[in-house]
C-alpha atoms as a PDB file:
ATOM      1  CA  UNK A   1     -16.252  -3.789  -7.924  1.00  0.00           C
ATOM      2  CA  UNK A   2     -17.027  -1.584 -10.927  1.00  0.00           C
ATOM      3  CA  UNK A   3     -14.122  -0.579 -13.133  1.00  0.00           C
ATOM      4  CA  UNK A   4     -15.563   2.952 -13.560  1.00  0.00           C
ATOM      5  CA  UNK A   5     -13.415   5.298 -11.521  1.00  0.00           C
ATOM      6  CA  UNK A   6     -14.287   8.443  -9.570  1.00  0.00           C
ATOM      7  CA  UNK A   7     -13.231  11.780 -11.120  1.00  0.00           C
ATOM      8  CA  UNK A   8     -10.260  12.025  -8.747  1.00  0.00           C
ATOM      9  CA  UNK A   9      -9.056   8.511  -9.572  1.00  0.00           C
ATOM     10  CA  UNK A  10      -9.717   8.557 -13.303  1.00  0.00           C
ATOM     11  CA  UNK A  11      -6.548  10.451 -14.366  1.00  0.00           C
ATOM     12  CA  UNK A  12      -4.441   8.035 -12.321  1.00  0.00           C
ATOM     13  CA  UNK A  13      -6.122   4.758 -13.240  1.00  0.00           C
ATOM     14  CA  UNK A  14      -4.261   4.138 -16.484  1.00  0.00           C
ATOM     15  CA  UNK A  15      -0.916   5.215 -15.018  1.00  0.00           C
ATOM     16  CA  UNK A  16      -1.324   2.943 -11.994  1.00  0.00           C
ATOM     17  CA  UNK A  17      -2.472  -0.060 -14.039  1.00  0.00           C
ATOM     18  CA  UNK A  18       0.361   0.319 -16.513  1.00  0.00           C
ATOM     19  CA  UNK A  19       2.886   0.731 -13.691  1.00  0.00           C
ATOM     20  CA  UNK A  20       1.758  -2.360 -11.787  1.00  0.00           C
ATOM     21  CA  UNK A  21       1.421  -4.606 -14.821  1.00  0.00           C
ATOM     22  CA  UNK A  22       4.745  -3.632 -16.411  1.00  0.00           C
ATOM     23  CA  UNK A  23       6.869  -6.842 -16.374  1.00  0.00           C
ATOM     24  CA  UNK A  24      10.195  -5.016 -16.518  1.00  0.00           C
ATOM     25  CA  UNK A  25      12.097  -4.931 -13.174  1.00  0.00           C
ATOM     26  CA  UNK A  26      13.112  -1.709 -11.475  1.00  0.00           C
ATOM     27  CA  UNK A  27      16.792  -0.817 -11.302  1.00  0.00           C
ATOM     28  CA  UNK A  28      18.319  -1.458  -7.890  1.00  0.00           C
ATOM     29  CA  UNK A  29      19.533   2.111  -7.503  1.00  0.00           C
ATOM     30  CA  UNK A  30      15.910   3.338  -7.610  1.00  0.00           C
ATOM     31  CA  UNK A  31      14.975   1.269  -4.544  1.00  0.00           C
ATOM     32  CA  UNK A  32      15.313   2.251  -0.888  1.00  0.00           C
ATOM     33  CA  UNK A  33      17.686  -0.490   0.248  1.00  0.00           C
ATOM     34  CA  UNK A  34      19.835  -0.586   3.363  1.00  0.00           C
ATOM     35  CA  UNK A  35      23.465  -0.397   2.211  1.00  0.00           C
ATOM     36  CA  UNK A  36      26.881  -1.185   3.657  1.00  0.00           C
ATOM     37  CA  UNK A  37      29.722   1.378   3.980  1.00  0.00           C
ATOM     38  CA  UNK A  38      30.726   0.931   0.327  1.00  0.00           C
ATOM     39  CA  UNK A  39      27.157   1.318  -0.938  1.00  0.00           C
ATOM     40  CA  UNK A  40      26.247  -2.329  -1.531  1.00  0.00           C
ATOM     41  CA  UNK A  41      22.735  -3.520  -0.598  1.00  0.00           C
ATOM     42  CA  UNK A  42      22.670  -5.932   2.317  1.00  0.00           C
ATOM     43  CA  UNK A  43      19.139  -7.333   1.937  1.00  0.00           C
ATOM     44  CA  UNK A  44      18.980 -11.117   1.817  1.00  0.00           C
ATOM     45  CA  UNK A  45      17.011 -11.887  -1.342  1.00  0.00           C
ATOM     46  CA  UNK A  46      15.856 -15.430  -0.490  1.00  0.00           C
ATOM     47  CA  UNK A  47      15.798 -17.925   2.399  1.00  0.00           C
ATOM     48  CA  UNK A  48      18.949 -19.855   3.152  1.00  0.00           C
ATOM     49  CA  UNK A  49      19.210 -23.433   1.890  1.00  0.00           C
ATOM     50  CA  UNK A  50      16.820 -25.696   3.744  1.00  0.00           C
ATOM     51  CA  UNK A  51      14.614 -22.835   4.973  1.00  0.00           C
ATOM     52  CA  UNK A  52      11.080 -22.375   3.621  1.00  0.00           C
ATOM     53  CA  UNK A  53       9.713 -18.856   3.777  1.00  0.00           C
ATOM     54  CA  UNK A  54       6.179 -18.193   4.949  1.00  0.00           C
ATOM     55  CA  UNK A  55       4.042 -16.383   2.379  1.00  0.00           C
ATOM     56  CA  UNK A  56       2.228 -13.118   3.115  1.00  0.00           C
ATOM     57  CA  UNK A  57       0.234 -10.454   1.290  1.00  0.00           C
ATOM     58  CA  UNK A  58       0.018  -6.727   2.020  1.00  0.00           C
ATOM     59  CA  UNK A  59      -2.264  -4.127   0.486  1.00  0.00           C
ATOM     60  CA  UNK A  60      -1.328  -0.831  -1.151  1.00  0.00           C
ATOM     61  CA  UNK A  61      -4.787   0.746  -1.236  1.00  0.00           C
ATOM     62  CA  UNK A  62      -5.260   3.947  -3.243  1.00  0.00           C
ATOM     63  CA  UNK A  63      -8.335   6.154  -2.800  1.00  0.00           C
ATOM     64  CA  UNK A  64      -9.243   9.843  -3.196  1.00  0.00           C
ATOM     65  CA  UNK A  65      -9.356  12.319  -0.320  1.00  0.00           C
ATOM     66  CA  UNK A  66     -10.040  15.976  -1.144  1.00  0.00           C
ATOM     67  CA  UNK A  67      -9.008  15.309  -4.731  1.00  0.00           C
ATOM     68  CA  UNK A  68      -5.673  13.687  -3.902  1.00  0.00           C
ATOM     69  CA  UNK A  69      -4.821  10.001  -4.140  1.00  0.00           C
ATOM     70  CA  UNK A  70      -4.087   8.640  -0.672  1.00  0.00           C
ATOM     71  CA  UNK A  71      -2.685   5.428   0.812  1.00  0.00           C
ATOM     72  CA  UNK A  72      -3.010   4.085   4.378  1.00  0.00           C
ATOM     73  CA  UNK A  73      -0.126   2.706   6.403  1.00  0.00           C
ATOM     74  CA  UNK A  74      -0.320   1.227   9.879  1.00  0.00           C
ATOM     75  CA  UNK A  75       1.730   1.906  12.967  1.00  0.00           C
ATOM     76  CA  UNK A  76       1.986  -1.582  14.381  1.00  0.00           C
ATOM     77  CA  UNK A  77       1.065  -2.223  17.999  1.00  0.00           C
ATOM     78  CA  UNK A  78       3.972  -2.266  20.438  1.00  0.00           C
ATOM     79  CA  UNK A  79       2.529  -5.467  21.904  1.00  0.00           C
ATOM     80  CA  UNK A  80       3.101  -7.577  18.776  1.00  0.00           C
ATOM     81  CA  UNK A  81       5.780 -10.257  18.748  1.00  0.00           C
ATOM     82  CA  UNK A  82       7.382  -9.096  15.473  1.00  0.00           C
ATOM     83  CA  UNK A  83       8.063  -5.658  13.959  1.00  0.00           C
ATOM     84  CA  UNK A  84       6.394  -3.954  16.918  1.00  0.00           C
ATOM     85  CA  UNK A  85       6.141  -0.185  16.707  1.00  0.00           C
ATOM     86  CA  UNK A  86       7.093  -0.136  13.011  1.00  0.00           C
ATOM     87  CA  UNK A  87       5.170   1.357  10.109  1.00  0.00           C
ATOM     88  CA  UNK A  88       3.860  -1.186   7.633  1.00  0.00           C
ATOM     89  CA  UNK A  89       1.253  -1.804   4.972  1.00  0.00           C
ATOM     90  CA  UNK A  90      -1.896  -3.606   6.150  1.00  0.00           C
ATOM     91  CA  UNK A  91      -1.700  -7.340   5.568  1.00  0.00           C
ATOM     92  CA  UNK A  92      -0.319 -10.575   6.923  1.00  0.00           C
ATOM     93  CA  UNK A  93       0.355 -14.256   6.448  1.00  0.00           C
ATOM     94  CA  UNK A  94      -1.538 -16.378   3.943  1.00  0.00           C
ATOM     95  CA  UNK A  95      -3.671 -18.996   5.642  1.00  0.00           C
ATOM     96  CA  UNK A  96      -5.214 -22.130   4.167  1.00  0.00           C
ATOM     97  CA  UNK A  97      -8.558 -20.417   3.511  1.00  0.00           C
ATOM     98  CA  UNK A  98      -7.090 -17.499   1.538  1.00  0.00           C
ATOM     99  CA  UNK A  99      -7.054 -17.247  -2.216  1.00  0.00           C
ATOM    100  CA  UNK A 100      -3.294 -16.648  -2.318  1.00  0.00           C
ATOM    101  CA  UNK A 101      -1.584 -13.306  -1.552  1.00  0.00           C
ATOM    102  CA  UNK A 102      -4.540 -11.237  -2.771  1.00  0.00           C
ATOM    103  CA  UNK A 103      -6.930 -13.070  -0.475  1.00  0.00           C
ATOM    104  CA  UNK A 104      -4.577 -12.672   2.471  1.00  0.00           C
ATOM    105  CA  UNK A 105      -4.004  -8.963   1.806  1.00  0.00           C
ATOM    106  CA  UNK A 106      -7.746  -8.276   1.617  1.00  0.00           C
ATOM    107  CA  UNK A 107      -8.657 -10.413   4.625  1.00  0.00           C
ATOM    108  CA  UNK A 108      -5.935  -8.967   6.840  1.00  0.00           C
ATOM    109  CA  UNK A 109      -6.762  -5.402   5.763  1.00  0.00           C
ATOM    110  CA  UNK A 110     -10.338  -6.049   6.826  1.00  0.00           C
ATOM    111  CA  UNK A 111      -9.221  -7.533  10.148  1.00  0.00           C
ATOM    112  CA  UNK A 112      -6.746  -4.732  10.891  1.00  0.00           C
ATOM    113  CA  UNK A 113      -8.540  -1.677   9.514  1.00  0.00           C
ATOM    114  CA  UNK A 114     -12.079  -2.701   8.576  1.00  0.00           C
ATOM    115  CA  UNK A 115     -11.419  -2.323   4.836  1.00  0.00           C
ATOM    116  CA  UNK A 116     -14.049  -4.330   2.973  1.00  0.00           C
ATOM    117  CA  UNK A 117     -12.609  -6.440   0.183  1.00  0.00           C
ATOM    118  CA  UNK A 118     -15.745  -5.732  -1.855  1.00  0.00           C
ATOM    119  CA  UNK A 119     -14.743  -2.069  -2.000  1.00  0.00           C
ATOM    120  CA  UNK A 120     -11.297  -2.813  -3.461  1.00  0.00           C
ATOM    121  CA  UNK A 121     -10.554  -3.180  -7.167  1.00  0.00           C
ATOM    122  CA  UNK A 122      -7.304  -5.172  -7.320  1.00  0.00           C
ATOM    123  CA  UNK A 123      -4.942  -3.944 -10.054  1.00  0.00           C
ATOM    124  CA  UNK A 124      -2.136  -6.482  -9.581  1.00  0.00           C
ATOM    125  CA  UNK A 125       0.947  -7.233  -7.506  1.00  0.00           C
ATOM    126  CA  UNK A 126       4.508  -5.943  -7.308  1.00  0.00           C
ATOM    127  CA  UNK A 127       7.745  -7.879  -6.808  1.00  0.00           C
ATOM    128  CA  UNK A 128       7.633 -10.201  -3.770  1.00  0.00           C
ATOM    129  CA  UNK A 129      10.351  -9.461  -1.227  1.00  0.00           C
ATOM    130  CA  UNK A 130      11.915 -11.660   1.423  1.00  0.00           C
ATOM    131  CA  UNK A 131      12.365 -10.527   5.032  1.00  0.00           C
ATOM    132  CA  UNK A 132      14.997 -12.609   6.766  1.00  0.00           C
ATOM    133  CA  UNK A 133      14.198 -11.389  10.268  1.00  0.00           C
ATOM    134  CA  UNK A 134      10.665 -12.824  10.193  1.00  0.00           C
ATOM    135  CA  UNK A 135      11.197 -15.321   7.323  1.00  0.00           C
ATOM    136  CA  UNK A 136       8.310 -14.022   5.190  1.00  0.00           C
ATOM    137  CA  UNK A 137       8.062 -13.633   1.437  1.00  0.00           C
ATOM    138  CA  UNK A 138       5.767 -10.620   1.127  1.00  0.00           C
ATOM    139  CA  UNK A 139       3.603 -10.022  -1.935  1.00  0.00           C
ATOM    140  CA  UNK A 140       2.559  -6.342  -2.324  1.00  0.00           C
ATOM    141  CA  UNK A 141      -0.972  -6.174  -3.762  1.00  0.00           C
ATOM    142  CA  UNK A 142      -2.117  -2.889  -5.333  1.00  0.00           C
ATOM    143  CA  UNK A 143      -5.798  -1.954  -5.232  1.00  0.00           C
ATOM    144  CA  UNK A 144      -8.080   1.047  -5.741  1.00  0.00           C
ATOM    145  CA  UNK A 145     -11.181   2.185  -3.844  1.00  0.00           C
ATOM    146  CA  UNK A 146     -13.540   4.932  -4.990  1.00  0.00           C
ATOM    147  CA  UNK A 147     -13.739   6.525  -1.537  1.00  0.00           C
ATOM    148  CA  UNK A 148     -11.817   6.623   1.722  1.00  0.00           C
ATOM    149  CA  UNK A 149     -12.553   3.618   3.947  1.00  0.00           C
ATOM    150  CA  UNK A 150     -14.322   4.121   7.258  1.00  0.00           C
ATOM    151  CA  UNK A 151     -11.457   2.679   9.262  1.00  0.00           C
ATOM    152  CA  UNK A 152     -12.199   0.368  12.194  1.00  0.00           C
ATOM    153  CA  UNK A 153      -8.830  -0.108  13.852  1.00  0.00           C
ATOM    154  CA  UNK A 154      -8.022  -3.430  15.516  1.00  0.00           C
ATOM    155  CA  UNK A 155      -6.099  -2.112  18.520  1.00  0.00           C
ATOM    156  CA  UNK A 156      -4.547  -5.508  19.207  1.00  0.00           C
ATOM    157  CA  UNK A 157      -2.548  -5.137  15.978  1.00  0.00           C
ATOM    158  CA  UNK A 158      -2.589  -1.471  14.991  1.00  0.00           C
ATOM    159  CA  UNK A 159      -1.784   1.564  17.108  1.00  0.00           C
ATOM    160  CA  UNK A 160      -2.976   4.070  14.511  1.00  0.00           C
ATOM    161  CA  UNK A 161      -3.482   4.679  10.804  1.00  0.00           C
ATOM    162  CA  UNK A 162      -1.003   6.909   8.978  1.00  0.00           C
ATOM    163  CA  UNK A 163      -2.016   8.231   5.573  1.00  0.00           C
ATOM    164  CA  UNK A 164       0.199   9.615   2.827  1.00  0.00           C
ATOM    165  CA  UNK A 165      -0.667  11.050  -0.572  1.00  0.00           C
ATOM    166  CA  UNK A 166       0.930   9.981  -3.830  1.00  0.00           C
ATOM    167  CA  UNK A 167       1.947  13.621  -4.302  1.00  0.00           C
ATOM    168  CA  UNK A 168       4.042  13.350  -1.147  1.00  0.00           C
ATOM    169  CA  UNK A 169       5.505   9.937  -1.987  1.00  0.00           C
ATOM    170  CA  UNK A 170       6.557  11.205  -5.394  1.00  0.00           C
ATOM    171  CA  UNK A 171       8.430  14.132  -3.839  1.00  0.00           C
ATOM    172  CA  UNK A 172      12.128  13.221  -3.406  1.00  0.00           C
ATOM    173  CA  UNK A 173      12.208  15.494  -0.356  1.00  0.00           C
ATOM    174  CA  UNK A 174      10.252  12.843   1.555  1.00  0.00           C
ATOM    175  CA  UNK A 175      13.266  10.488   1.424  1.00  0.00           C
ATOM    176  CA  UNK A 176      16.081  10.748   3.972  1.00  0.00           C
ATOM    177  CA  UNK A 177      19.034   8.619   5.100  1.00  0.00           C
ATOM    178  CA  UNK A 178      20.674   7.883   8.426  1.00  0.00           C
ATOM    179  CA  UNK A 179      23.510   5.766   9.734  1.00  0.00           C
ATOM    180  CA  UNK A 180      22.452   2.926  12.030  1.00  0.00           C
ATOM    181  CA  UNK A 181      24.453   0.371  13.912  1.00  0.00           C
ATOM    182  CA  UNK A 182      23.204  -3.219  13.825  1.00  0.00           C
ATOM    183  CA  UNK A 183      24.716  -6.401  15.267  1.00  0.00           C
ATOM    184  CA  UNK A 184      26.684  -6.933  12.057  1.00  0.00           C
ATOM    185  CA  UNK A 185      27.952  -3.378  11.657  1.00  0.00           C
ATOM    186  CA  UNK A 186      26.990   0.148  10.692  1.00  0.00           C
ATOM    187  CA  UNK A 187      24.860   0.776   7.618  1.00  0.00           C
ATOM    188  CA  UNK A 188      23.125   3.541   5.677  1.00  0.00           C
ATOM    189  CA  UNK A 189      19.364   3.255   6.116  1.00  0.00           C
ATOM    190  CA  UNK A 190      17.030   5.111   3.701  1.00  0.00           C
ATOM    191  CA  UNK A 191      13.499   5.918   4.786  1.00  0.00           C
ATOM    192  CA  UNK A 192      10.389   7.891   3.955  1.00  0.00           C
ATOM    193  CA  UNK A 193       9.743  10.583   6.582  1.00  0.00           C
ATOM    194  CA  UNK A 194       5.958  10.366   7.003  1.00  0.00           C
ATOM    195  CA  UNK A 195       3.917  11.897   9.808  1.00  0.00           C
ATOM    196  CA  UNK A 196       6.842  11.922  12.228  1.00  0.00           C
ATOM    197  CA  UNK A 197       7.707   8.283  11.490  1.00  0.00           C
ATOM    198  CA  UNK A 198      10.655   6.704   9.707  1.00  0.00           C
ATOM    199  CA  UNK A 199       9.212   4.252   7.173  1.00  0.00           C
ATOM    200  CA  UNK A 200      12.110   1.966   6.334  1.00  0.00           C
ATOM    201  CA  UNK A 201      12.988  -1.665   5.637  1.00  0.00           C
ATOM    202  CA  UNK A 202      10.554  -3.847   3.707  1.00  0.00           C
ATOM    203  CA  UNK A 203       7.826  -1.204   3.616  1.00  0.00           C
ATOM    204  CA  UNK A 204      10.162   1.446   2.194  1.00  0.00           C
ATOM    205  CA  UNK A 205      11.404  -1.050  -0.388  1.00  0.00           C
ATOM    206  CA  UNK A 206       7.870  -1.866  -1.573  1.00  0.00           C
ATOM    207  CA  UNK A 207       6.836   1.794  -1.670  1.00  0.00           C
ATOM    208  CA  UNK A 208       9.963   2.788  -3.562  1.00  0.00           C
ATOM    209  CA  UNK A 209       9.328   0.124  -6.208  1.00  0.00           C
ATOM    210  CA  UNK A 210       5.764   1.363  -6.632  1.00  0.00           C
ATOM    211  CA  UNK A 211       6.879   4.987  -6.950  1.00  0.00           C
ATOM    212  CA  UNK A 212       9.625   4.079  -9.435  1.00  0.00           C
ATOM    213  CA  UNK A 213       7.078   2.172 -11.519  1.00  0.00           C
ATOM    214  CA  UNK A 214       4.673   5.116 -11.433  1.00  0.00           C
ATOM    215  CA  UNK A 215       7.382   7.491 -12.636  1.00  0.00           C
ATOM    216  CA  UNK A 216       8.330   5.149 -15.462  1.00  0.00           C
ATOM    217  CA  UNK A 217       4.717   4.542 -16.437  1.00  0.00           C
ATOM    218  CA  UNK A 218       3.923   8.266 -16.511  1.00  0.00           C
ATOM    219  CA  UNK A 219       7.168   9.048 -18.345  1.00  0.00           C
ATOM    220  CA  UNK A 220       7.723  11.995 -16.040  1.00  0.00           C
ATOM    221  CA  UNK A 221       4.248  13.520 -16.508  1.00  0.00           C
ATOM    222  CA  UNK A 222       2.027  12.830 -13.507  1.00  0.00           C
ATOM    223  CA  UNK A 223      -1.723  13.499 -13.464  1.00  0.00           C
ATOM    224  CA  UNK A 224      -2.515  16.698 -11.547  1.00  0.00           C
ATOM    225  CA  UNK A 225      -4.564  16.597  -8.330  1.00  0.00           C
ATOM    226  CA  UNK A 226      -8.321  16.649  -8.941  1.00  0.00           C
ATOM    227  CA  UNK A 227      -8.723  20.126  -7.425  1.00  0.00           C
ATOM    228  CA  UNK A 228      -6.283  21.446 -10.048  1.00  0.00           C
ATOM    229  CA  UNK A 229      -8.269  19.704 -12.800  1.00  0.00           C
ATOM    230  CA  UNK A 230     -11.379  21.481 -11.508  1.00  0.00           C
ATOM    231  CA  UNK A 231      -9.539  24.796 -11.259  1.00  0.00           C
ATOM    232  CA  UNK A 232      -9.688  24.825  -7.456  1.00  0.00           C
END
């Protein structure tokens, strides 16, 4: 895919590339992590001894819509065996034919949403995270497309597509917290409130790292929406 970006993407391209390729980790307090009653994160960072995690790739796809940079999320089918009815990034497990996490993220995004890998310019990957419940190590892959995909939803896996703009994700007002009781106790759960859904857990963690990296890369000065650049 050509590296020349559309007018809407161009102001963001450098910021996004710098954010994704920055090797410095993000401080824990900038991440949306489930925490115990005294504020300590409870996420298990790696498999227990003797357990091998399965590897997976998911895609953070950025593209312009009406001059604003947009990202698709999926509401997972309620018929799936794992994480049913939750909001996630498109993607899935790496299989033997994939070229690592990037290959898996692109293939699964095509299978779930009809996103052609040829339309995606891959920028890089964020920090892999481990999900103990499903025993996956998930690699978030960041890519750019010059136009919105013509989604073809695989109804066996995806109930619907939910889109969110970077403007919205960067707004702290999108983040909320609630107390939830799990088998092991009661915890504070942060989430992004998007389109009537609570986006929490692994997806919220990956999104919060991306947003924190964008803020650091831009040094507090974000590119304006394209319609503002054009005086609209």
